């Protein structure tokens, strides 16, 4: 076997190895970029981030419970604003009605006593 043919054979072997490495790399990329893998990785990342945020929130509440209570109360009032506004309207209308009925009662008493 001549030196040239040995070099050609060695080059072919090296080319076959390089091709095999390239194909393996392409398979790995295809697996990494598959929609299922991407969705799974995104879901895992979201779970981890959510757990970190929850842990930070618990730590913040432990450090400042009064502030956390105030924030929760403010958020509750904000979310319940419509029913609270309706209730306040009913209470003020009820107070106005009572006030009117008192005035009417006083006027009728005054007119009865003057007659």
C-alpha atoms as a PDB file:
ATOM      1  CA  UNK A   1       0.000   0.000   0.000  1.00  0.00           C
ATOM      2  CA  UNK A   2       1.405   3.325  -1.006  1.00  0.00           C
ATOM      3  CA  UNK A   3       1.771   6.327   1.192  1.00  0.00           C
ATOM      4  CA  UNK A   4      -0.883   8.215  -0.817  1.00  0.00           C
ATOM      5  CA  UNK A   5      -3.438   5.450  -0.489  1.00  0.00           C
ATOM      6  CA  UNK A   6      -2.794   5.240   3.281  1.00  0.00           C
ATOM      7  CA  UNK A   7      -3.358   8.974   3.555  1.00  0.00           C
ATOM      8  CA  UNK A   8      -6.563   8.704   1.525  1.00  0.00           C
ATOM      9  CA  UNK A   9      -7.757   5.823   3.707  1.00  0.00           C
ATOM     10  CA  UNK A  10      -6.903   7.773   6.877  1.00  0.00           C
ATOM     11  CA  UNK A  11      -8.692  10.816   5.506  1.00  0.00           C
ATOM     12  CA  UNK A  12     -11.781   8.731   4.713  1.00  0.00           C
ATOM     13  CA  UNK A  13     -11.775   7.247   8.198  1.00  0.00           C
ATOM     14  CA  UNK A  14     -11.434  10.742   9.703  1.00  0.00           C
ATOM     15  CA  UNK A  15     -14.203  12.028   7.417  1.00  0.00           C
ATOM     16  CA  UNK A  16     -16.468   9.147   8.525  1.00  0.00           C
ATOM     17  CA  UNK A  17     -15.751   9.958  12.184  1.00  0.00           C
ATOM     18  CA  UNK A  18     -16.438  13.648  11.615  1.00  0.00           C
ATOM     19  CA  UNK A  19     -19.672  12.779   9.787  1.00  0.00           C
ATOM     20  CA  UNK A  20     -20.728  10.538  12.689  1.00  0.00           C
ATOM     21  CA  UNK A  21     -19.986  13.324  15.205  1.00  0.00           C
ATOM     22  CA  UNK A  22     -21.928  15.788  13.075  1.00  0.00           C
ATOM     23  CA  UNK A  23     -24.921  13.456  12.826  1.00  0.00           C
ATOM     24  CA  UNK A  24     -24.890  12.861  16.592  1.00  0.00           C
ATOM     25  CA  UNK A  25     -24.751  16.615  17.175  1.00  0.00           C
ATOM     26  CA  UNK A  26     -27.661  17.088  14.768  1.00  0.00           C
ATOM     27  CA  UNK A  27     -29.700  14.408  16.638  1.00  0.00           C
ATOM     28  CA  UNK A  28     -29.001  16.118  19.970  1.00  0.00           C
ATOM     29  CA  UNK A  29     -30.043  19.492  18.561  1.00  0.00           C
ATOM     30  CA  UNK A  30     -33.184  17.992  17.072  1.00  0.00           C
ATOM     31  CA  UNK A  31     -34.063  16.493  20.456  1.00  0.00           C
ATOM     32  CA  UNK A  32     -33.323  19.725  22.337  1.00  0.00           C
ATOM     33  CA  UNK A  33     -35.362  21.808  19.912  1.00  0.00           C
ATOM     34  CA  UNK A  34     -38.363  19.489  19.696  1.00  0.00           C
ATOM     35  CA  UNK A  35     -41.619  21.177  20.793  1.00  0.00           C
ATOM     36  CA  UNK A  36     -42.155  18.646  23.569  1.00  0.00           C
ATOM     37  CA  UNK A  37     -38.716  19.227  25.044  1.00  0.00           C
ATOM     38  CA  UNK A  38     -39.049  22.996  24.763  1.00  0.00           C
ATOM     39  CA  UNK A  39     -42.462  22.919  26.446  1.00  0.00           C
ATOM     40  CA  UNK A  40     -41.184  20.656  29.198  1.00  0.00           C
ATOM     41  CA  UNK A  41     -38.177  22.891  29.837  1.00  0.00           C
ATOM     42  CA  UNK A  42     -40.365  26.001  29.875  1.00  0.00           C
ATOM     43  CA  UNK A  43     -42.779  24.359  32.320  1.00  0.00           C
ATOM     44  CA  UNK A  44     -39.964  23.279  34.622  1.00  0.00           C
ATOM     45  CA  UNK A  45     -38.463  26.760  34.505  1.00  0.00           C
ATOM     46  CA  UNK A  46     -41.821  28.333  35.335  1.00  0.00           C
ATOM     47  CA  UNK A  47     -42.308  25.948  38.258  1.00  0.00           C
ATOM     48  CA  UNK A  48     -38.890  26.746  39.646  1.00  0.00           C
ATOM     49  CA  UNK A  49     -39.414  30.495  39.207  1.00  0.00           C
ATOM     50  CA  UNK A  50     -42.853  30.282  40.811  1.00  0.00           C
ATOM     51  CA  UNK A  51     -41.451  28.377  43.775  1.00  0.00           C
ATOM     52  CA  UNK A  52     -38.694  30.969  44.171  1.00  0.00           C
ATOM     53  CA  UNK A  53     -41.220  33.817  44.080  1.00  0.00           C
ATOM     54  CA  UNK A  54     -43.445  32.080  46.623  1.00  0.00           C
ATOM     55  CA  UNK A  55     -40.485  31.502  48.913  1.00  0.00           C
ATOM     56  CA  UNK A  56     -39.464  35.161  48.623  1.00  0.00           C
ATOM     57  CA  UNK A  57     -43.037  36.233  49.399  1.00  0.00           C
ATOM     58  CA  UNK A  58     -43.169  34.034  52.498  1.00  0.00           C
ATOM     59  CA  UNK A  59     -39.851  35.451  53.674  1.00  0.00           C
ATOM     60  CA  UNK A  60     -41.103  39.012  53.138  1.00  0.00           C
ATOM     61  CA  UNK A  61     -44.278  38.307  55.131  1.00  0.00           C
ATOM     62  CA  UNK A  62     -42.243  36.818  57.956  1.00  0.00           C
ATOM     63  CA  UNK A  63     -40.010  39.901  58.072  1.00  0.00           C
ATOM     64  CA  UNK A  64     -42.863  42.435  58.001  1.00  0.00           C
ATOM     65  CA  UNK A  65     -46.216  40.870  58.933  1.00  0.00           C
ATOM     66  CA  UNK A  66     -47.954  44.204  59.636  1.00  0.00           C
ATOM     67  CA  UNK A  67     -47.111  45.586  56.204  1.00  0.00           C
ATOM     68  CA  UNK A  68     -48.190  42.334  54.569  1.00  0.00           C
ATOM     69  CA  UNK A  69     -51.497  42.497  56.440  1.00  0.00           C
ATOM     70  CA  UNK A  70     -52.030  46.061  55.255  1.00  0.00           C
ATOM     71  CA  UNK A  71     -51.308  45.087  51.681  1.00  0.00           C
ATOM     72  CA  UNK A  72     -53.741  42.181  51.892  1.00  0.00           C
ATOM     73  CA  UNK A  73     -56.408  44.451  53.410  1.00  0.00           C
ATOM     74  CA  UNK A  74     -55.904  47.060  50.692  1.00  0.00           C
ATOM     75  CA  UNK A  75     -56.057  44.413  47.982  1.00  0.00           C
ATOM     76  CA  UNK A  76     -59.228  42.960  49.503  1.00  0.00           C
ATOM     77  CA  UNK A  77     -60.856  46.386  49.631  1.00  0.00           C
ATOM     78  CA  UNK A  78     -59.863  47.019  46.039  1.00  0.00           C
ATOM     79  CA  UNK A  79     -61.282  43.710  44.841  1.00  0.00           C
ATOM     80  CA  UNK A  80     -64.486  44.151  46.863  1.00  0.00           C
ATOM     81  CA  UNK A  81     -64.970  47.809  45.926  1.00  0.00           C
ATOM     82  CA  UNK A  82     -68.219  47.337  43.955  1.00  0.00           C
ATOM     83  CA  UNK A  83     -70.119  45.506  46.705  1.00  0.00           C
ATOM     84  CA  UNK A  84     -68.747  47.941  49.288  1.00  0.00           C
ATOM     85  CA  UNK A  85     -69.865  50.940  47.229  1.00  0.00           C
ATOM     86  CA  UNK A  86     -73.324  49.386  46.865  1.00  0.00           C
ATOM     87  CA  UNK A  87     -73.476  48.759  50.613  1.00  0.00           C
ATOM     88  CA  UNK A  88     -72.399  52.319  51.375  1.00  0.00           C
ATOM     89  CA  UNK A  89     -75.071  53.608  49.001  1.00  0.00           C
ATOM     90  CA  UNK A  90     -77.738  51.523  50.720  1.00  0.00           C
ATOM     91  CA  UNK A  91     -76.595  52.692  54.143  1.00  0.00           C
ATOM     92  CA  UNK A  92     -76.646  56.354  53.158  1.00  0.00           C
ATOM     93  CA  UNK A  93     -80.059  55.979  51.527  1.00  0.00           C
ATOM     94  CA  UNK A  94     -81.312  54.264  54.675  1.00  0.00           C
ATOM     95  CA  UNK A  95     -79.913  57.094  56.780  1.00  0.00           C
ATOM     96  CA  UNK A  96     -81.535  59.681  54.506  1.00  0.00           C
ATOM     97  CA  UNK A  97     -84.838  57.835  54.719  1.00  0.00           C
ATOM     98  CA  UNK A  98     -84.641  57.741  58.526  1.00  0.00           C
ATOM     99  CA  UNK A  99     -83.736  61.420  58.622  1.00  0.00           C
ATOM    100  CA  UNK A 100     -86.695  62.262  56.370  1.00  0.00           C
ATOM    101  CA  UNK A 101     -89.065  60.163  58.424  1.00  0.00           C
ATOM    102  CA  UNK A 102     -87.856  61.877  61.622  1.00  0.00           C
ATOM    103  CA  UNK A 103     -88.428  65.286  60.066  1.00  0.00           C
ATOM    104  CA  UNK A 104     -91.851  64.225  58.877  1.00  0.00           C
ATOM    105  CA  UNK A 105     -92.686  62.825  62.316  1.00  0.00           C
ATOM    106  CA  UNK A 106     -91.521  66.049  63.990  1.00  0.00           C
ATOM    107  CA  UNK A 107     -93.560  68.148  61.590  1.00  0.00           C
ATOM    108  CA  UNK A 108     -96.675  66.077  62.183  1.00  0.00           C
ATOM    109  CA  UNK A 109     -96.114  66.262  65.940  1.00  0.00           C
ATOM    110  CA  UNK A 110     -95.598  70.005  65.725  1.00  0.00           C
ATOM    111  CA  UNK A 111     -98.729  70.462  63.642  1.00  0.00           C
ATOM    112  CA  UNK A 112    -100.742  68.205  65.959  1.00  0.00           C
ATOM    113  CA  UNK A 113     -99.633  70.100  69.055  1.00  0.00           C
ATOM    114  CA  UNK A 114    -100.329  73.470  67.479  1.00  0.00           C
ATOM    115  CA  UNK A 115    -103.829  72.466  66.372  1.00  0.00           C
END
